[in-house]
Amino acid sequence: MELGGKAANIVFEDAAIDQAVEGIVSGIYFNQGHVCCAGSRLLVQEGVFPAVIHKLRYRIATLRVGNPLDKNTDVGAINSRMQLDKICELVESGVQQGAELVQPRTVSELPKKGYWYPPSFFTGVTESHRIAQEDIFGPVLSVMTFRTPEEAIERANNTPYGLSAGVGATKEAKSSRS
């Protein structure tokens, strides 16, 4: 039974980028991505893609990985070896399919005892990538771009596992469809 999701967050060009990035970080890295409605897909309008990626790269580098009982920890341990192996296998498939992996930490910087995966994201993701279709259930985000509101909606809905969604915009998106 599939109990995960591939929830999409959508960021439009007129969004407050800093606020959008905070929402993205909370949506995917909270509870190590072990949330069925984690925002594991990010759709960014092309005009703000460089700014969003720059801020997201900086922001995940500030996340503290460690003991989940420590109130200062942002990202705790993965729940099992089996889940960590699944995360690693899906991340490797993303790399093999040509997406670019962004990780601010190396494995050597992670705690030694337990199962850990650094907060990460992919750019260059297409809808056909496994990482855009299968639930990683870990701290890994797939980032895609779009041009129009219609394209964003189509991509956000292009999964059987969408359990939640978020939209970053400051005004109502105008559709070219009436």
N, C-alpha and C. Protein backbone atom coordinates (compact mmCIF):
# COMPACT_ATOMS: atom_id res chain seq x y z
N MET A 1 0.84 -1.17 0.00
CA MET A 1 0.00 0.00 0.00
C MET A 1 0.89 1.24 0.00
N GLU A 2 0.62 2.18 -0.87
CA GLU A 2 1.36 3.45 -0.91
C GLU A 2 0.76 4.40 0.09
N LEU A 3 1.53 4.76 1.11
CA LEU A 3 1.06 5.69 2.13
C LEU A 3 1.83 7.00 2.08
N GLY A 4 2.70 7.14 1.12
CA GLY A 4 3.47 8.38 1.01
C GLY A 4 2.81 9.33 0.05
N GLY A 5 3.53 10.35 -0.30
CA GLY A 5 2.99 11.34 -1.21
C GLY A 5 4.09 11.98 -2.02
N LYS A 6 3.71 12.74 -3.00
CA LYS A 6 4.64 13.54 -3.79
C LYS A 6 4.07 14.94 -3.87
N ALA A 7 3.87 15.54 -2.70
CA ALA A 7 3.24 16.85 -2.59
C ALA A 7 4.09 17.92 -3.28
N ALA A 8 3.41 18.84 -3.93
CA ALA A 8 4.09 19.90 -4.67
C ALA A 8 3.92 21.25 -3.98
N ASN A 9 5.00 22.00 -3.94
CA ASN A 9 4.96 23.40 -3.58
C ASN A 9 5.23 24.17 -4.86
N ILE A 10 4.47 25.22 -5.10
CA ILE A 10 4.60 26.01 -6.33
C ILE A 10 4.99 27.42 -5.96
N VAL A 11 6.06 27.93 -6.59
CA VAL A 11 6.52 29.29 -6.33
C VAL A 11 6.42 30.09 -7.62
N PHE A 12 5.56 31.10 -7.59
CA PHE A 12 5.38 31.99 -8.74
C PHE A 12 6.37 33.15 -8.67
N GLU A 13 6.56 33.82 -9.81
CA GLU A 13 7.52 34.92 -9.90
C GLU A 13 7.26 36.06 -8.93
N ASP A 14 6.02 36.26 -8.54
CA ASP A 14 5.72 37.38 -7.65
C ASP A 14 5.73 36.99 -6.17
N ALA A 15 6.17 35.78 -5.86
CA ALA A 15 6.19 35.31 -4.48
C ALA A 15 7.23 36.06 -3.65
N ALA A 16 6.98 36.14 -2.37
CA ALA A 16 7.99 36.62 -1.41
C ALA A 16 8.98 35.46 -1.25
N ILE A 17 10.12 35.56 -1.90
CA ILE A 17 11.05 34.43 -2.02
C ILE A 17 11.54 33.93 -0.66
N ASP A 18 11.91 34.83 0.23
CA ASP A 18 12.40 34.39 1.54
C ASP A 18 11.33 33.58 2.28
N GLN A 19 10.10 34.05 2.26
CA GLN A 19 9.01 33.33 2.92
C GLN A 19 8.75 32.00 2.22
N ALA A 20 8.80 32.00 0.91
CA ALA A 20 8.58 30.76 0.16
C ALA A 20 9.64 29.73 0.51
N VAL A 21 10.89 30.16 0.58
CA VAL A 21 11.98 29.22 0.91
C VAL A 21 11.79 28.65 2.31
N GLU A 22 11.37 29.47 3.26
CA GLU A 22 11.11 28.95 4.61
C GLU A 22 10.00 27.91 4.59
N GLY A 23 8.96 28.16 3.81
CA GLY A 23 7.89 27.17 3.69
C GLY A 23 8.37 25.89 3.04
N ILE A 24 9.22 26.02 2.04
CA ILE A 24 9.78 24.84 1.36
C ILE A 24 10.60 24.01 2.34
N VAL A 25 11.47 24.69 3.09
CA VAL A 25 12.34 24.01 4.06
C VAL A 25 11.49 23.29 5.11
N SER A 26 10.48 23.97 5.63
CA SER A 26 9.61 23.34 6.62
C SER A 26 8.85 22.16 6.02
N GLY A 27 8.45 22.30 4.77
CA GLY A 27 7.64 21.28 4.11
C GLY A 27 8.35 19.98 3.82
N ILE A 28 9.67 20.03 3.57
CA ILE A 28 10.37 18.80 3.20
C ILE A 28 11.34 18.32 4.27
N TYR A 29 11.99 19.21 4.99
CA TYR A 29 13.03 18.77 5.91
C TYR A 29 12.53 18.53 7.33
N PHE A 30 11.30 19.00 7.64
CA PHE A 30 10.69 18.72 8.93
C PHE A 30 10.51 17.22 9.08
N ASN A 31 10.90 16.67 10.20
CA ASN A 31 10.81 15.22 10.45
C ASN A 31 11.56 14.41 9.40
N GLN A 32 12.67 14.96 8.89
CA GLN A 32 13.53 14.26 7.93
C GLN A 32 12.80 13.85 6.67
N GLY A 33 11.69 14.49 6.35
CA GLY A 33 10.90 14.11 5.19
C GLY A 33 10.03 12.90 5.45
N HIS A 34 10.01 12.40 6.70
CA HIS A 34 9.20 11.23 7.07
C HIS A 34 7.77 11.67 7.39
N VAL A 35 7.17 12.37 6.46
CA VAL A 35 5.79 12.84 6.62
C VAL A 35 5.09 12.55 5.30
N CYS A 36 3.96 11.91 5.35
CA CYS A 36 3.27 11.52 4.11
C CYS A 36 2.92 12.70 3.22
N CYS A 37 2.73 13.87 3.81
CA CYS A 37 2.40 15.05 3.00
C CYS A 37 3.59 16.00 2.88
N ALA A 38 4.81 15.48 3.02
CA ALA A 38 6.01 16.31 2.86
C ALA A 38 6.03 16.90 1.46
N GLY A 39 6.44 18.14 1.36
CA GLY A 39 6.52 18.83 0.07
C GLY A 39 7.77 18.41 -0.68
N SER A 40 7.76 17.22 -1.23
CA SER A 40 8.97 16.65 -1.85
C SER A 40 9.19 17.07 -3.31
N ARG A 41 8.22 17.80 -3.89
CA ARG A 41 8.41 18.35 -5.23
C ARG A 41 8.25 19.86 -5.14
N LEU A 42 9.13 20.57 -5.82
CA LEU A 42 9.07 22.03 -5.86
C LEU A 42 8.99 22.46 -7.31
N LEU A 43 7.96 23.24 -7.63
CA LEU A 43 7.79 23.79 -8.97
C LEU A 43 8.03 25.29 -8.87
N VAL A 44 9.02 25.78 -9.62
CA VAL A 44 9.43 27.18 -9.54
C VAL A 44 9.28 27.83 -10.91
N GLN A 45 8.61 28.98 -10.95
CA GLN A 45 8.49 29.69 -12.22
C GLN A 45 9.88 30.12 -12.67
N GLU A 46 10.16 29.95 -13.96
CA GLU A 46 11.50 30.12 -14.50
C GLU A 46 12.18 31.43 -14.12
N GLY A 47 11.43 32.53 -14.07
CA GLY A 47 12.02 33.83 -13.79
C GLY A 47 12.65 33.98 -12.43
N VAL A 48 12.20 33.20 -11.45
CA VAL A 48 12.76 33.29 -10.10
C VAL A 48 13.56 32.05 -9.71
N PHE A 49 13.72 31.13 -10.65
CA PHE A 49 14.45 29.90 -10.35
C PHE A 49 15.85 30.17 -9.78
N PRO A 50 16.68 31.02 -10.41
CA PRO A 50 18.02 31.22 -9.84
C PRO A 50 17.99 31.77 -8.41
N ALA A 51 17.10 32.71 -8.14
CA ALA A 51 17.02 33.28 -6.79
C ALA A 51 16.56 32.25 -5.77
N VAL A 52 15.56 31.45 -6.13
CA VAL A 52 15.06 30.43 -5.21
C VAL A 52 16.15 29.40 -4.93
N ILE A 53 16.83 28.94 -5.95
CA ILE A 53 17.88 27.93 -5.76
C ILE A 53 19.02 28.49 -4.92
N HIS A 54 19.42 29.73 -5.16
CA HIS A 54 20.48 30.35 -4.37
C HIS A 54 20.10 30.39 -2.89
N LYS A 55 18.90 30.85 -2.60
CA LYS A 55 18.44 30.95 -1.21
C LYS A 55 18.22 29.58 -0.58
N LEU A 56 17.71 28.64 -1.35
CA LEU A 56 17.50 27.29 -0.84
C LEU A 56 18.84 26.62 -0.52
N ARG A 57 19.80 26.79 -1.40
CA ARG A 57 21.14 26.22 -1.17
C ARG A 57 21.74 26.77 0.12
N TYR A 58 21.63 28.09 0.31
CA TYR A 58 22.14 28.71 1.53
C TYR A 58 21.38 28.20 2.75
N ARG A 59 20.07 28.16 2.64
CA ARG A 59 19.24 27.80 3.80
C ARG A 59 19.47 26.37 4.27
N ILE A 60 19.59 25.41 3.34
CA ILE A 60 19.79 24.03 3.81
C ILE A 60 21.18 23.83 4.40
N ALA A 61 22.13 24.69 4.02
CA ALA A 61 23.46 24.62 4.62
C ALA A 61 23.43 25.03 6.10
N THR A 62 22.39 25.76 6.51
CA THR A 62 22.29 26.20 7.91
C THR A 62 21.53 25.20 8.78
N LEU A 63 20.91 24.20 8.18
CA LEU A 63 20.14 23.24 8.97
C LEU A 63 21.08 22.37 9.81
N ARG A 64 20.71 22.17 11.05
CA ARG A 64 21.51 21.36 11.98
C ARG A 64 21.00 19.92 11.95
N VAL A 65 21.90 19.00 11.64
CA VAL A 65 21.58 17.57 11.61
C VAL A 65 22.09 16.96 12.90
N GLY A 66 21.24 16.23 13.61
CA GLY A 66 21.70 15.63 14.85
C GLY A 66 20.60 15.00 15.66
N ASN A 67 20.84 14.89 16.94
CA ASN A 67 19.95 14.24 17.88
C ASN A 67 18.56 14.87 17.80
N PRO A 68 17.54 14.09 17.46
CA PRO A 68 16.19 14.65 17.33
C PRO A 68 15.60 15.10 18.67
N LEU A 69 16.18 14.69 19.79
CA LEU A 69 15.71 15.13 21.09
C LEU A 69 16.31 16.47 21.50
N ASP A 70 17.30 16.93 20.75
CA ASP A 70 17.92 18.24 21.01
C ASP A 70 17.05 19.30 20.33
N LYS A 71 16.58 20.27 21.11
CA LYS A 71 15.69 21.30 20.56
C LYS A 71 16.35 22.15 19.47
N ASN A 72 17.67 22.12 19.36
CA ASN A 72 18.38 22.89 18.34
C ASN A 72 18.56 22.12 17.03
N THR A 73 18.15 20.86 17.01
CA THR A 73 18.29 20.04 15.81
C THR A 73 17.16 20.35 14.83
N ASP A 74 17.53 20.49 13.57
CA ASP A 74 16.55 20.71 12.50
C ASP A 74 16.20 19.42 11.78
N VAL A 75 17.17 18.54 11.59
CA VAL A 75 16.98 17.30 10.85
C VAL A 75 17.56 16.16 11.68
N GLY A 76 16.71 15.23 12.07
CA GLY A 76 17.14 14.10 12.89
C GLY A 76 17.50 12.89 12.05
N ALA A 77 17.49 11.76 12.71
CA ALA A 77 17.91 10.51 12.08
C ALA A 77 16.81 9.92 11.20
N ILE A 78 17.23 9.13 10.24
CA ILE A 78 16.32 8.35 9.41
C ILE A 78 15.83 7.18 10.26
N ASN A 79 14.60 6.73 10.06
CA ASN A 79 13.99 5.78 10.99
C ASN A 79 14.54 4.36 10.94
N SER A 80 15.23 3.96 9.88
CA SER A 80 15.76 2.60 9.81
C SER A 80 16.82 2.49 8.73
N ARG A 81 17.61 1.44 8.80
CA ARG A 81 18.61 1.15 7.76
C ARG A 81 17.90 0.92 6.42
N MET A 82 16.77 0.20 6.46
CA MET A 82 16.03 -0.08 5.23
C MET A 82 15.58 1.23 4.56
N GLN A 83 15.10 2.18 5.34
CA GLN A 83 14.65 3.45 4.77
C GLN A 83 15.84 4.25 4.25
N LEU A 84 16.95 4.26 4.98
CA LEU A 84 18.14 4.95 4.51
C LEU A 84 18.61 4.36 3.18
N ASP A 85 18.60 3.04 3.08
CA ASP A 85 18.99 2.38 1.82
C ASP A 85 18.06 2.80 0.68
N LYS A 86 16.76 2.90 0.95
CA LYS A 86 15.80 3.33 -0.08
C LYS A 86 16.09 4.76 -0.52
N ILE A 87 16.35 5.64 0.44
CA ILE A 87 16.70 7.03 0.11
C ILE A 87 17.94 7.06 -0.77
N CYS A 88 18.97 6.34 -0.36
CA CYS A 88 20.22 6.33 -1.13
C CYS A 88 20.00 5.78 -2.54
N GLU A 89 19.20 4.74 -2.65
CA GLU A 89 18.94 4.13 -3.97
C GLU A 89 18.19 5.10 -4.89
N LEU A 90 17.19 5.79 -4.34
CA LEU A 90 16.44 6.74 -5.16
C LEU A 90 17.28 7.97 -5.51
N VAL A 91 18.11 8.43 -4.59
CA VAL A 91 19.00 9.55 -4.89
C VAL A 91 19.98 9.15 -6.00
N GLU A 92 20.53 7.96 -5.91
CA GLU A 92 21.44 7.47 -6.95
C GLU A 92 20.73 7.40 -8.30
N SER A 93 19.46 7.01 -8.30
CA SER A 93 18.71 6.96 -9.57
C SER A 93 18.56 8.36 -10.15
N GLY A 94 18.36 9.36 -9.28
CA GLY A 94 18.27 10.75 -9.76
C GLY A 94 19.55 11.19 -10.42
N VAL A 95 20.67 10.87 -9.80
CA VAL A 95 21.98 11.22 -10.37
C VAL A 95 22.17 10.48 -11.69
N GLN A 96 21.85 9.18 -11.72
CA GLN A 96 22.00 8.39 -12.94
C GLN A 96 21.12 8.90 -14.07
N GLN A 97 19.95 9.46 -13.73
CA GLN A 97 19.04 9.98 -14.75
C GLN A 97 19.38 11.41 -15.15
N GLY A 98 20.45 11.97 -14.60
CA GLY A 98 20.93 13.27 -15.05
C GLY A 98 20.56 14.48 -14.23
N ALA A 99 19.88 14.30 -13.12
CA ALA A 99 19.56 15.44 -12.26
C ALA A 99 20.81 15.83 -11.46
N GLU A 100 20.87 17.10 -11.05
CA GLU A 100 22.02 17.58 -10.28
C GLU A 100 21.69 17.58 -8.80
N LEU A 101 22.47 16.85 -8.01
CA LEU A 101 22.27 16.73 -6.58
C LEU A 101 23.00 17.85 -5.85
N VAL A 102 22.29 18.53 -4.96
CA VAL A 102 22.87 19.58 -4.13
C VAL A 102 22.80 19.12 -2.68
N GLN A 103 23.98 18.98 -2.06
CA GLN A 103 24.09 18.59 -0.66
C GLN A 103 25.15 19.47 0.00
N PRO A 104 24.78 20.23 1.03
CA PRO A 104 25.76 21.10 1.66
C PRO A 104 26.71 20.37 2.61
N ARG A 105 26.42 19.13 2.94
CA ARG A 105 27.25 18.36 3.87
C ARG A 105 27.73 17.08 3.21
N THR A 106 28.86 16.62 3.67
CA THR A 106 29.34 15.31 3.24
C THR A 106 28.94 14.29 4.30
N VAL A 107 29.00 13.04 3.94
CA VAL A 107 28.65 11.97 4.87
C VAL A 107 29.55 12.04 6.10
N SER A 108 30.81 12.43 5.93
CA SER A 108 31.74 12.50 7.06
C SER A 108 31.32 13.54 8.09
N GLU A 109 30.47 14.49 7.72
CA GLU A 109 30.02 15.52 8.65
C GLU A 109 28.77 15.11 9.42
N LEU A 110 28.19 13.99 9.10
CA LEU A 110 26.99 13.51 9.77
C LEU A 110 27.36 12.76 11.04
N PRO A 111 26.44 12.66 12.00
CA PRO A 111 26.73 11.88 13.20
C PRO A 111 27.14 10.45 12.83
N LYS A 112 27.99 9.86 13.66
CA LYS A 112 28.53 8.52 13.36
C LYS A 112 27.59 7.39 13.75
N LYS A 113 26.81 7.58 14.81
CA LYS A 113 25.94 6.52 15.29
C LYS A 113 24.51 6.79 14.82
N GLY A 114 23.88 5.82 14.18
CA GLY A 114 22.52 5.96 13.70
C GLY A 114 22.48 6.04 12.19
N TYR A 115 21.30 6.35 11.67
CA TYR A 115 21.08 6.41 10.22
C TYR A 115 20.78 7.86 9.84
N TRP A 116 21.61 8.41 8.98
CA TRP A 116 21.53 9.85 8.68
C TRP A 116 21.56 10.08 7.19
N TYR A 117 20.84 11.08 6.75
CA TYR A 117 20.94 11.54 5.37
C TYR A 117 20.87 13.06 5.39
N PRO A 118 21.79 13.72 4.69
CA PRO A 118 21.81 15.18 4.75
C PRO A 118 20.64 15.79 3.98
N PRO A 119 20.15 16.96 4.42
CA PRO A 119 19.13 17.66 3.64
C PRO A 119 19.70 17.93 2.25
N SER A 120 18.94 17.58 1.24
CA SER A 120 19.43 17.63 -0.15
C SER A 120 18.32 18.08 -1.08
N PHE A 121 18.73 18.52 -2.26
CA PHE A 121 17.73 18.75 -3.32
C PHE A 121 18.35 18.50 -4.67
N PHE A 122 17.48 18.25 -5.63
CA PHE A 122 17.88 18.03 -7.01
C PHE A 122 17.36 19.16 -7.88
N THR A 123 18.17 19.59 -8.84
CA THR A 123 17.71 20.45 -9.92
C THR A 123 17.84 19.65 -11.21
N GLY A 124 17.28 20.17 -12.28
CA GLY A 124 17.34 19.46 -13.55
C GLY A 124 16.45 18.23 -13.56
N VAL A 125 15.40 18.24 -12.75
CA VAL A 125 14.49 17.11 -12.65
C VAL A 125 13.39 17.26 -13.70
N THR A 126 13.04 16.15 -14.33
CA THR A 126 11.90 16.14 -15.24
C THR A 126 10.83 15.24 -14.62
N GLU A 127 9.63 15.32 -15.16
CA GLU A 127 8.52 14.52 -14.63
C GLU A 127 8.76 13.02 -14.78
N SER A 128 9.64 12.64 -15.69
CA SER A 128 9.89 11.21 -15.89
C SER A 128 10.92 10.65 -14.92
N HIS A 129 11.64 11.48 -14.20
CA HIS A 129 12.60 10.99 -13.22
C HIS A 129 11.87 10.22 -12.10
N ARG A 130 12.47 9.15 -11.66
CA ARG A 130 11.91 8.40 -10.53
C ARG A 130 11.75 9.29 -9.31
N ILE A 131 12.71 10.19 -9.08
CA ILE A 131 12.67 11.06 -7.90
C ILE A 131 11.51 12.05 -7.96
N ALA A 132 10.92 12.24 -9.14
CA ALA A 132 9.74 13.11 -9.26
C ALA A 132 8.45 12.31 -9.13
N GLN A 133 8.54 11.00 -9.20
CA GLN A 133 7.35 10.16 -9.19
C GLN A 133 7.21 9.29 -7.95
N GLU A 134 8.33 8.82 -7.40
CA GLU A 134 8.28 7.91 -6.26
C GLU A 134 8.58 8.66 -4.98
N ASP A 135 7.90 8.28 -3.91
CA ASP A 135 8.11 8.91 -2.62
C ASP A 135 9.44 8.47 -2.02
N ILE A 136 10.33 9.42 -1.82
CA ILE A 136 11.63 9.13 -1.22
C ILE A 136 11.49 8.95 0.29
N PHE A 137 10.54 9.63 0.88
CA PHE A 137 10.29 9.57 2.33
C PHE A 137 11.57 9.86 3.10
N GLY A 138 12.22 10.94 2.68
CA GLY A 138 13.45 11.38 3.30
C GLY A 138 13.68 12.85 2.99
N PRO A 139 14.77 13.42 3.48
CA PRO A 139 15.03 14.86 3.34
C PRO A 139 15.59 15.24 1.97
N VAL A 140 14.85 14.88 0.92
CA VAL A 140 15.31 15.10 -0.45
C VAL A 140 14.18 15.75 -1.26
N LEU A 141 14.49 16.85 -1.89
CA LEU A 141 13.54 17.65 -2.66
C LEU A 141 13.86 17.57 -4.15
N SER A 142 12.85 17.43 -4.99
CA SER A 142 13.01 17.46 -6.45
C SER A 142 12.49 18.79 -6.96
N VAL A 143 13.34 19.56 -7.65
CA VAL A 143 12.98 20.89 -8.11
C VAL A 143 12.82 20.89 -9.63
N MET A 144 11.68 21.42 -10.08
CA MET A 144 11.39 21.55 -11.51
C MET A 144 10.93 22.97 -11.79
N THR A 145 11.03 23.39 -13.03
CA THR A 145 10.58 24.73 -13.40
C THR A 145 9.29 24.65 -14.23
N PHE A 146 8.64 25.81 -14.33
CA PHE A 146 7.47 25.93 -15.18
C PHE A 146 7.41 27.36 -15.72
N ARG A 147 6.62 27.54 -16.78
CA ARG A 147 6.46 28.87 -17.39
C ARG A 147 5.13 29.52 -17.06
N THR A 148 4.05 28.75 -17.13
CA THR A 148 2.71 29.32 -16.98
C THR A 148 1.98 28.67 -15.81
N PRO A 149 0.96 29.34 -15.28
CA PRO A 149 0.16 28.72 -14.22
C PRO A 149 -0.45 27.39 -14.64
N GLU A 150 -0.88 27.29 -15.88
CA GLU A 150 -1.47 26.03 -16.37
C GLU A 150 -0.44 24.90 -16.31
N GLU A 151 0.78 25.19 -16.72
CA GLU A 151 1.84 24.18 -16.68
C GLU A 151 2.12 23.76 -15.23
N ALA A 152 2.14 24.72 -14.32
CA ALA A 152 2.38 24.41 -12.91
C ALA A 152 1.30 23.49 -12.37
N ILE A 153 0.07 23.80 -12.68
CA ILE A 153 -1.06 22.98 -12.20
C ILE A 153 -0.99 21.58 -12.79
N GLU A 154 -0.70 21.50 -14.09
CA GLU A 154 -0.59 20.19 -14.74
C GLU A 154 0.51 19.36 -14.09
N ARG A 155 1.67 19.97 -13.86
CA ARG A 155 2.79 19.23 -13.25
C ARG A 155 2.49 18.86 -11.80
N ALA A 156 1.88 19.76 -11.05
CA ALA A 156 1.56 19.48 -9.65
C ALA A 156 0.60 18.29 -9.55
N ASN A 157 -0.31 18.19 -10.50
CA ASN A 157 -1.30 17.12 -10.48
C ASN A 157 -0.85 15.84 -11.18
N ASN A 158 0.38 15.81 -11.69
CA ASN A 158 0.87 14.67 -12.45
C ASN A 158 1.47 13.59 -11.54
N THR A 159 0.73 13.19 -10.55
CA THR A 159 1.14 12.10 -9.67
C THR A 159 -0.10 11.52 -9.01
N PRO A 160 -0.10 10.22 -8.80
CA PRO A 160 -1.25 9.65 -8.08
C PRO A 160 -1.13 9.83 -6.56
N TYR A 161 -0.02 10.42 -6.10
CA TYR A 161 0.25 10.47 -4.66
C TYR A 161 0.28 11.87 -4.08
N GLY A 162 -0.39 12.84 -4.67
CA GLY A 162 -0.37 14.19 -4.14
C GLY A 162 -1.33 14.33 -2.97
N LEU A 163 -0.80 14.44 -1.76
CA LEU A 163 -1.63 14.53 -0.57
C LEU A 163 -1.79 15.96 -0.06
N SER A 164 -0.95 16.86 -0.49
CA SER A 164 -1.02 18.25 -0.05
C SER A 164 -0.32 19.11 -1.09
N ALA A 165 -0.41 20.42 -0.94
CA ALA A 165 0.25 21.34 -1.86
C ALA A 165 0.39 22.69 -1.18
N GLY A 166 1.27 23.51 -1.71
CA GLY A 166 1.44 24.87 -1.24
C GLY A 166 1.71 25.77 -2.43
N VAL A 167 1.29 27.04 -2.32
CA VAL A 167 1.49 28.00 -3.40
C VAL A 167 2.10 29.26 -2.82
N GLY A 168 3.16 29.74 -3.44
CA GLY A 168 3.77 31.00 -3.06
C GLY A 168 3.53 32.02 -4.16
N ALA A 169 2.72 33.03 -3.87
CA ALA A 169 2.41 34.10 -4.82
C ALA A 169 1.86 35.27 -4.03
N THR A 170 2.01 36.49 -4.55
CA THR A 170 1.48 37.64 -3.85
C THR A 170 0.18 38.14 -4.45
N LYS A 171 -0.13 37.72 -5.65
CA LYS A 171 -1.42 38.08 -6.24
C LYS A 171 -1.99 36.85 -6.93
N GLU A 172 -3.22 36.93 -7.28
CA GLU A 172 -3.89 35.80 -7.91
C GLU A 172 -3.26 35.49 -9.26
N ALA A 173 -2.90 34.24 -9.46
CA ALA A 173 -2.35 33.82 -10.75
C ALA A 173 -3.45 33.88 -11.80
N LYS A 174 -3.17 34.54 -12.89
CA LYS A 174 -4.13 34.66 -13.98
C LYS A 174 -3.93 33.53 -14.96
N SER A 175 -4.96 32.80 -15.21
CA SER A 175 -4.93 31.72 -16.17
C SER A 175 -5.31 32.26 -17.54
N SER A 176 -4.68 31.71 -18.58
CA SER A 176 -5.05 32.13 -19.94
C SER A 176 -6.33 31.45 -20.37
N ARG A 177 -6.78 30.44 -19.59
CA ARG A 177 -8.05 29.78 -19.86
C ARG A 177 -9.16 30.56 -19.15
N SER A 178 -10.27 30.73 -19.79
CA SER A 178 -11.39 31.42 -19.16
C SER A 178 -12.36 30.46 -18.55
